[in-house]
């Protein structure tokens, strides 16, 4: 059985974590309220996606689909 789906989950998790780091730095560097509002929303989305991806990875482990 191909485990590409696990690789894809890890790629998505890594990319989302990197996006979260960038957005947090951008939030610190922003110079107006509209940018801060946008980055705040993006940070919330990234955190939600990390939670979802982590949950899916844990589910795969329980289902013995994880390497």
Protein backbone atom coordinates (compact mmCIF):
# COMPACT_ATOMS: atom_id res chain seq x y z
CA UNK A 1 0.00 0.00 0.00
CA UNK A 2 1.33 3.41 -0.93
CA UNK A 3 1.92 5.75 2.00
CA UNK A 4 1.98 8.90 -0.16
CA UNK A 5 -1.01 10.17 1.79
CA UNK A 6 1.18 10.23 4.93
CA UNK A 7 3.89 12.14 3.07
CA UNK A 8 1.26 14.61 1.90
CA UNK A 9 0.01 15.11 5.45
CA UNK A 10 3.54 15.82 6.63
CA UNK A 11 4.19 18.23 3.74
CA UNK A 12 0.97 20.06 4.53
CA UNK A 13 1.81 20.17 8.25
CA UNK A 14 5.33 21.46 7.61
CA UNK A 15 4.09 24.10 5.17
CA UNK A 16 1.37 25.25 7.52
CA UNK A 17 3.82 25.52 10.41
CA UNK A 18 6.11 27.60 8.20
CA UNK A 19 3.17 29.82 7.20
CA UNK A 20 2.28 30.29 10.85
CA UNK A 21 5.83 31.40 11.64
CA UNK A 22 5.80 33.86 8.74
CA UNK A 23 2.41 35.28 9.73
CA UNK A 24 3.49 35.75 13.34
CA UNK A 25 6.58 37.65 12.23
CA UNK A 26 4.53 39.67 9.76
CA UNK A 27 2.12 40.54 12.54
CA UNK A 28 4.99 41.98 14.56
CA UNK A 29 6.28 43.89 11.54
CA UNK A 30 2.91 45.24 10.36
CA UNK A 31 2.30 48.94 10.54
CA UNK A 32 -1.47 49.27 10.24
CA UNK A 33 -4.67 47.82 11.62
CA UNK A 34 -5.87 46.23 8.39
CA UNK A 35 -2.65 44.22 8.01
CA UNK A 36 -2.79 43.13 11.65
CA UNK A 37 -6.41 42.02 11.20
CA UNK A 38 -5.48 40.01 8.12
CA UNK A 39 -2.50 38.33 9.80
CA UNK A 40 -4.56 37.62 12.93
CA UNK A 41 -7.12 35.78 10.78
CA UNK A 42 -4.38 33.91 8.95
CA UNK A 43 -2.77 32.88 12.23
CA UNK A 44 -6.11 31.51 13.48
CA UNK A 45 -6.53 29.58 10.22
CA UNK A 46 -3.01 28.15 10.39
CA UNK A 47 -3.52 27.07 13.99
CA UNK A 48 -6.82 25.40 13.05
CA UNK A 49 -5.21 23.61 10.10
CA UNK A 50 -2.31 22.40 12.25
CA UNK A 51 -4.81 21.00 14.72
CA UNK A 52 -6.72 19.26 11.91
CA UNK A 53 -3.58 17.80 10.34
CA UNK A 54 -2.23 16.63 13.69
CA UNK A 55 -5.55 14.95 14.42
CA UNK A 56 -5.52 13.19 11.06
CA UNK A 57 -1.97 11.97 11.64
CA UNK A 58 -2.95 10.61 15.06
CA UNK A 59 -5.95 8.87 13.49
CA UNK A 60 -3.69 7.24 10.90
CA UNK A 61 -1.46 5.98 13.71
CA UNK A 62 -4.44 4.45 15.54
CA UNK A 63 -5.62 2.87 12.27
CA UNK A 64 -2.11 1.44 11.66
CA UNK A 65 -1.80 3.47 8.43
CA UNK A 66 1.26 5.40 9.62
CA UNK A 67 4.90 4.48 8.99
